[in-house]
């Protein structure tokens, strides 16, 4: 998790942006980083994480979390992206 945060801190984002970094495995971790969006990061991702059985939390622009005992990490990732994309476009 700390490696993901270190990578994100070195990226310069201009304008409204949202980035999701996801590490697959039996235990999946993620960092969702936003800039210049109308709502805090949690608004866009918290419900999706909860529905998929994960946990997370964060500050205004950053939401981190993970999923335990994952059988299909790619499926979790795809579902998470789909739900977050819907929130970003319609939320």
C-alpha atoms as a PDB file:
ATOM      1  CA  UNK A   1       0.000   0.000   0.000  1.00  0.00           C
ATOM      2  CA  UNK A   2       2.785   2.427   0.839  1.00  0.00           C
ATOM      3  CA  UNK A   3       4.400   1.766  -2.570  1.00  0.00           C
ATOM      4  CA  UNK A   4       1.151   2.688  -4.317  1.00  0.00           C
ATOM      5  CA  UNK A   5       0.880   5.922  -2.343  1.00  0.00           C
ATOM      6  CA  UNK A   6       4.489   6.777  -3.144  1.00  0.00           C
ATOM      7  CA  UNK A   7       3.837   6.306  -6.877  1.00  0.00           C
ATOM      8  CA  UNK A   8       0.739   8.494  -6.756  1.00  0.00           C
ATOM      9  CA  UNK A   9       2.490  11.323  -4.950  1.00  0.00           C
ATOM     10  CA  UNK A  10       4.938  11.579  -7.863  1.00  0.00           C
ATOM     11  CA  UNK A  11       2.214  11.961 -10.500  1.00  0.00           C
ATOM     12  CA  UNK A  12       1.100  15.464 -11.431  1.00  0.00           C
ATOM     13  CA  UNK A  13      -2.570  15.654 -12.394  1.00  0.00           C
ATOM     14  CA  UNK A  14      -4.030  18.648 -14.207  1.00  0.00           C
ATOM     15  CA  UNK A  15      -7.753  19.303 -14.105  1.00  0.00           C
ATOM     16  CA  UNK A  16     -10.437  16.890 -12.942  1.00  0.00           C
ATOM     17  CA  UNK A  17      -8.962  13.406 -12.580  1.00  0.00           C
ATOM     18  CA  UNK A  18      -9.586  10.050 -10.938  1.00  0.00           C
ATOM     19  CA  UNK A  19      -7.042   7.224 -10.754  1.00  0.00           C
ATOM     20  CA  UNK A  20      -7.613   3.721  -9.384  1.00  0.00           C
ATOM     21  CA  UNK A  21      -4.552   1.629  -8.569  1.00  0.00           C
ATOM     22  CA  UNK A  22      -5.408  -1.987  -7.777  1.00  0.00           C
ATOM     23  CA  UNK A  23      -3.143  -4.835  -6.669  1.00  0.00           C
ATOM     24  CA  UNK A  24      -4.730  -8.230  -7.401  1.00  0.00           C
ATOM     25  CA  UNK A  25      -4.325 -11.341  -5.318  1.00  0.00           C
ATOM     26  CA  UNK A  26      -6.049 -13.289  -2.579  1.00  0.00           C
ATOM     27  CA  UNK A  27      -5.852 -10.014  -0.697  1.00  0.00           C
ATOM     28  CA  UNK A  28      -6.466  -7.077  -3.052  1.00  0.00           C
ATOM     29  CA  UNK A  29      -5.530  -3.522  -2.129  1.00  0.00           C
ATOM     30  CA  UNK A  30      -6.391  -0.311  -3.911  1.00  0.00           C
ATOM     31  CA  UNK A  31      -5.848   3.421  -3.870  1.00  0.00           C
ATOM     32  CA  UNK A  32      -8.420   5.748  -5.452  1.00  0.00           C
ATOM     33  CA  UNK A  33      -6.972   9.231  -5.979  1.00  0.00           C
ATOM     34  CA  UNK A  34      -8.986  12.208  -7.212  1.00  0.00           C
ATOM     35  CA  UNK A  35      -8.286  15.842  -8.032  1.00  0.00           C
ATOM     36  CA  UNK A  36     -10.625  18.737  -8.746  1.00  0.00           C
ATOM     37  CA  UNK A  37     -13.828  16.694  -8.560  1.00  0.00           C
ATOM     38  CA  UNK A  38     -17.022  18.099  -7.032  1.00  0.00           C
ATOM     39  CA  UNK A  39     -17.168  15.495  -4.232  1.00  0.00           C
ATOM     40  CA  UNK A  40     -14.804  13.725  -1.884  1.00  0.00           C
ATOM     41  CA  UNK A  41     -13.278  10.479  -3.186  1.00  0.00           C
ATOM     42  CA  UNK A  42     -15.453   8.355  -0.889  1.00  0.00           C
ATOM     43  CA  UNK A  43     -18.632   9.508  -2.655  1.00  0.00           C
ATOM     44  CA  UNK A  44     -17.477   7.834  -5.865  1.00  0.00           C
ATOM     45  CA  UNK A  45     -16.163   4.526  -4.467  1.00  0.00           C
ATOM     46  CA  UNK A  46     -17.399   3.723  -0.949  1.00  0.00           C
ATOM     47  CA  UNK A  47     -20.706   2.073  -1.943  1.00  0.00           C
ATOM     48  CA  UNK A  48     -19.000  -0.098  -4.563  1.00  0.00           C
ATOM     49  CA  UNK A  49     -16.368  -1.274  -2.091  1.00  0.00           C
ATOM     50  CA  UNK A  50     -19.012  -2.125   0.504  1.00  0.00           C
ATOM     51  CA  UNK A  51     -21.218  -3.978  -2.017  1.00  0.00           C
ATOM     52  CA  UNK A  52     -18.216  -6.064  -3.107  1.00  0.00           C
ATOM     53  CA  UNK A  53     -17.382  -7.005   0.489  1.00  0.00           C
ATOM     54  CA  UNK A  54     -14.371  -4.745   0.929  1.00  0.00           C
ATOM     55  CA  UNK A  55     -13.375  -2.108   3.403  1.00  0.00           C
ATOM     56  CA  UNK A  56     -11.860   1.301   3.025  1.00  0.00           C
ATOM     57  CA  UNK A  57     -11.673   4.887   4.058  1.00  0.00           C
ATOM     58  CA  UNK A  58      -9.872   8.067   3.335  1.00  0.00           C
ATOM     59  CA  UNK A  59      -9.604  11.773   3.148  1.00  0.00           C
ATOM     60  CA  UNK A  60     -10.966  14.323   0.724  1.00  0.00           C
ATOM     61  CA  UNK A  61      -8.953  13.243  -2.331  1.00  0.00           C
ATOM     62  CA  UNK A  62      -7.723   9.758  -1.423  1.00  0.00           C
ATOM     63  CA  UNK A  63      -9.613   6.585  -0.537  1.00  0.00           C
ATOM     64  CA  UNK A  64      -7.692   3.389   0.247  1.00  0.00           C
ATOM     65  CA  UNK A  65      -8.886  -0.076   1.073  1.00  0.00           C
ATOM     66  CA  UNK A  66      -8.914  -3.709   0.200  1.00  0.00           C
ATOM     67  CA  UNK A  67     -10.652  -7.030  -0.147  1.00  0.00           C
ATOM     68  CA  UNK A  68      -9.792 -10.273   1.670  1.00  0.00           C
ATOM     69  CA  UNK A  69     -10.114 -13.906   0.568  1.00  0.00           C
ATOM     70  CA  UNK A  70     -10.650 -12.988  -3.085  1.00  0.00           C
ATOM     71  CA  UNK A  71     -11.194 -15.895  -5.501  1.00  0.00           C
ATOM     72  CA  UNK A  72     -11.505 -13.748  -8.628  1.00  0.00           C
ATOM     73  CA  UNK A  73      -9.455 -10.534  -8.326  1.00  0.00           C
ATOM     74  CA  UNK A  74     -10.014  -9.574 -11.958  1.00  0.00           C
ATOM     75  CA  UNK A  75     -13.772  -9.810 -11.449  1.00  0.00           C
ATOM     76  CA  UNK A  76     -13.574  -7.616  -8.343  1.00  0.00           C
ATOM     77  CA  UNK A  77     -11.491  -5.082 -10.265  1.00  0.00           C
ATOM     78  CA  UNK A  78     -13.848  -5.042 -13.271  1.00  0.00           C
ATOM     79  CA  UNK A  79     -16.898  -4.643 -11.047  1.00  0.00           C
ATOM     80  CA  UNK A  80     -15.233  -1.896  -9.015  1.00  0.00           C
ATOM     81  CA  UNK A  81     -14.256   0.029 -12.152  1.00  0.00           C
ATOM     82  CA  UNK A  82     -17.768  -0.296 -13.583  1.00  0.00           C
ATOM     83  CA  UNK A  83     -19.423   1.009 -10.422  1.00  0.00           C
ATOM     84  CA  UNK A  84     -16.946   3.856  -9.904  1.00  0.00           C
ATOM     85  CA  UNK A  85     -17.253   4.895 -13.554  1.00  0.00           C
ATOM     86  CA  UNK A  86     -21.040   5.058 -13.151  1.00  0.00           C
ATOM     87  CA  UNK A  87     -20.665   7.260 -10.064  1.00  0.00           C
ATOM     88  CA  UNK A  88     -18.217   9.560 -11.826  1.00  0.00           C
ATOM     89  CA  UNK A  89     -20.499   9.946 -14.847  1.00  0.00           C
ATOM     90  CA  UNK A  90     -23.828  10.224 -13.035  1.00  0.00           C
ATOM     91  CA  UNK A  91     -23.078  10.961  -9.397  1.00  0.00           C
END
